[in-house]
C-alpha atoms as a PDB file:
ATOM      1  CA  MET A   1     -13.814  19.583 -21.548  1.00  0.00           C
ATOM      2  CA  ALA A   2     -12.443  16.801 -23.704  1.00  0.00           C
ATOM      3  CA  ASN A   3     -13.628  16.637 -27.289  1.00  0.00           C
ATOM      4  CA  HIS A   4     -12.535  13.154 -28.335  1.00  0.00           C
ATOM      5  CA  LYS A   5     -14.131   9.863 -27.417  1.00  0.00           C
ATOM      6  CA  SER A   6     -10.789   8.448 -26.324  1.00  0.00           C
ATOM      7  CA  ALA A   7     -10.107  11.487 -24.113  1.00  0.00           C
ATOM      8  CA  LEU A   8     -13.484  11.046 -22.407  1.00  0.00           C
ATOM      9  CA  LYS A   9     -12.692   7.399 -21.763  1.00  0.00           C
ATOM     10  CA  ARG A  10      -9.254   8.351 -20.430  1.00  0.00           C
ATOM     11  CA  ILE A  11     -10.903  10.745 -17.954  1.00  0.00           C
ATOM     12  CA  ARG A  12     -13.232   7.993 -16.738  1.00  0.00           C
ATOM     13  CA  SER A  13     -10.493   5.380 -16.419  1.00  0.00           C
ATOM     14  CA  ASN A  14      -8.137   7.823 -14.654  1.00  0.00           C
ATOM     15  CA  GLU A  15     -10.813   8.571 -12.068  1.00  0.00           C
ATOM     16  CA  THR A  16     -11.470   4.868 -11.508  1.00  0.00           C
ATOM     17  CA  ARG A  17      -7.754   4.200 -11.029  1.00  0.00           C
ATOM     18  CA  ARG A  18      -7.337   7.236  -8.771  1.00  0.00           C
ATOM     19  CA  VAL A  19     -10.095   6.065  -6.448  1.00  0.00           C
ATOM     20  CA  ARG A  20      -8.749   2.496  -6.378  1.00  0.00           C
ATOM     21  CA  ASN A  21      -5.168   3.667  -5.706  1.00  0.00           C
ATOM     22  CA  LYS A  22      -6.344   5.989  -2.938  1.00  0.00           C
ATOM     23  CA  TYR A  23      -8.311   3.161  -1.281  1.00  0.00           C
ATOM     24  CA  GLN A  24      -5.434   0.679  -1.476  1.00  0.00           C
ATOM     25  CA  HIS A  25      -2.875   3.225  -0.241  1.00  0.00           C
ATOM     26  CA  LYS A  26      -5.035   4.254   2.728  1.00  0.00           C
ATOM     27  CA  THR A  27      -5.780   0.612   3.610  1.00  0.00           C
ATOM     28  CA  THR A  28      -2.058  -0.180   3.565  1.00  0.00           C
ATOM     29  CA  ARG A  29      -1.212   2.818   5.738  1.00  0.00           C
ATOM     30  CA  ASN A  30      -3.844   1.715   8.272  1.00  0.00           C
ATOM     31  CA  ALA A  31      -2.433  -1.829   8.272  1.00  0.00           C
ATOM     32  CA  ILE A  32       1.075  -0.453   8.890  1.00  0.00           C
ATOM     33  CA  LYS A  33      -0.212   1.623  11.822  1.00  0.00           C
ATOM     34  CA  ARG A  34      -2.008  -1.426  13.238  1.00  0.00           C
ATOM     35  CA  LEU A  35       1.173  -3.506  12.925  1.00  0.00           C
ATOM     36  CA  ARG A  36       3.290  -0.859  14.669  1.00  0.00           C
ATOM     37  CA  GLU A  37       0.814  -0.678  17.565  1.00  0.00           C
ATOM     38  CA  LEU A  38       0.871  -4.431  18.246  1.00  0.00           C
ATOM     39  CA  THR A  39       2.727  -5.644  21.324  1.00  0.00           C
ATOM     40  CA  ASP A  40       2.095  -9.386  20.871  1.00  0.00           C
ATOM     41  CA  LYS A  41       4.845 -10.969  18.781  1.00  0.00           C
ATOM     42  CA  LYS A  42       2.669 -13.795  17.401  1.00  0.00           C
ATOM     43  CA  GLU A  43       0.005 -11.381  16.174  1.00  0.00           C
ATOM     44  CA  ALA A  44       2.640  -9.131  14.611  1.00  0.00           C
ATOM     45  CA  GLU A  45       4.315 -12.075  12.847  1.00  0.00           C
ATOM     46  CA  ALA A  46       0.924 -13.174  11.530  1.00  0.00           C
ATOM     47  CA  LEU A  47       0.092  -9.692  10.183  1.00  0.00           C
ATOM     48  CA  LEU A  48       3.527  -8.922   8.690  1.00  0.00           C
ATOM     49  CA  PRO A  49       3.239 -11.051   5.488  1.00  0.00           C
ATOM     50  CA  SER A  50      -0.061  -9.444   4.503  1.00  0.00           C
ATOM     51  CA  VAL A  51       1.338  -5.927   5.047  1.00  0.00           C
ATOM     52  CA  VAL A  52       4.464  -6.789   3.039  1.00  0.00           C
ATOM     53  CA  SER A  53       2.242  -8.118   0.255  1.00  0.00           C
ATOM     54  CA  MET A  54       0.202  -4.903   0.241  1.00  0.00           C
ATOM     55  CA  LEU A  55       3.379  -2.821  -0.002  1.00  0.00           C
ATOM     56  CA  ASP A  56       4.685  -4.959  -2.868  1.00  0.00           C
ATOM     57  CA  LYS A  57       1.433  -4.496  -4.786  1.00  0.00           C
ATOM     58  CA  LEU A  58       1.510  -0.725  -4.300  1.00  0.00           C
ATOM     59  CA  ALA A  59       5.105  -0.591  -5.510  1.00  0.00           C
ATOM     60  CA  LYS A  60       4.348  -2.815  -8.502  1.00  0.00           C
ATOM     61  CA  ASN A  61       1.538  -0.485  -9.580  1.00  0.00           C
ATOM     62  CA  ASN A  62       3.663   2.649  -8.975  1.00  0.00           C
ATOM     63  CA  VAL A  63       1.358   3.958  -6.257  1.00  0.00           C
ATOM     64  CA  ILE A  64       4.449   4.246  -4.049  1.00  0.00           C
ATOM     65  CA  HIS A  65       8.107   4.135  -5.054  1.00  0.00           C
ATOM     66  CA  ALA A  66       9.825   0.737  -4.905  1.00  0.00           C
ATOM     67  CA  ASN A  67      12.512   2.089  -2.562  1.00  0.00           C
ATOM     68  CA  LYS A  68       9.876   3.433  -0.164  1.00  0.00           C
ATOM     69  CA  ALA A  69       8.213   0.020  -0.093  1.00  0.00           C
ATOM     70  CA  ALA A  70      11.556  -1.645   0.594  1.00  0.00           C
ATOM     71  CA  ASN A  71      12.321   0.886   3.338  1.00  0.00           C
ATOM     72  CA  LEU A  72       8.946   0.310   5.014  1.00  0.00           C
ATOM     73  CA  LYS A  73       9.252  -3.484   4.770  1.00  0.00           C
ATOM     74  CA  SER A  74      12.712  -3.372   6.317  1.00  0.00           C
ATOM     75  CA  GLY A  75      11.588  -1.149   9.169  1.00  0.00           C
ATOM     76  CA  LEU A  76       8.504  -3.226   9.893  1.00  0.00           C
ATOM     77  CA  THR A  77      10.501  -6.458   9.863  1.00  0.00           C
ATOM     78  CA  LYS A  78      12.966  -4.968  12.351  1.00  0.00           C
ATOM     79  CA  HIS A  79      10.089  -3.756  14.495  1.00  0.00           C
ATOM     80  CA  VAL A  80       8.464  -7.198  14.604  1.00  0.00           C
ATOM     81  CA  ALA A  81      11.790  -8.869  15.377  1.00  0.00           C
ATOM     82  CA  ALA A  82      12.378  -6.453  18.270  1.00  0.00           C
ATOM     83  CA  ILE A  83       9.016  -7.118  19.965  1.00  0.00           C
END
């Protein structure tokens, strides 16, 4: 167990961040799955900007690697264009 006040605070803040990151990552993964399942081009084009925004936020906060976000965005954009 931590002995210093700052270490106790670090434990609390790490847990808060971990839970928030997990929630945002899972929500983004679900949005990506939903986008890949769509067959209507208009719906997919409407959902794409929000998914791209979610990926950018995850990459900015180092929840996922920037290259992974770019790879996913590229693949999703191609998918929507091909519908």
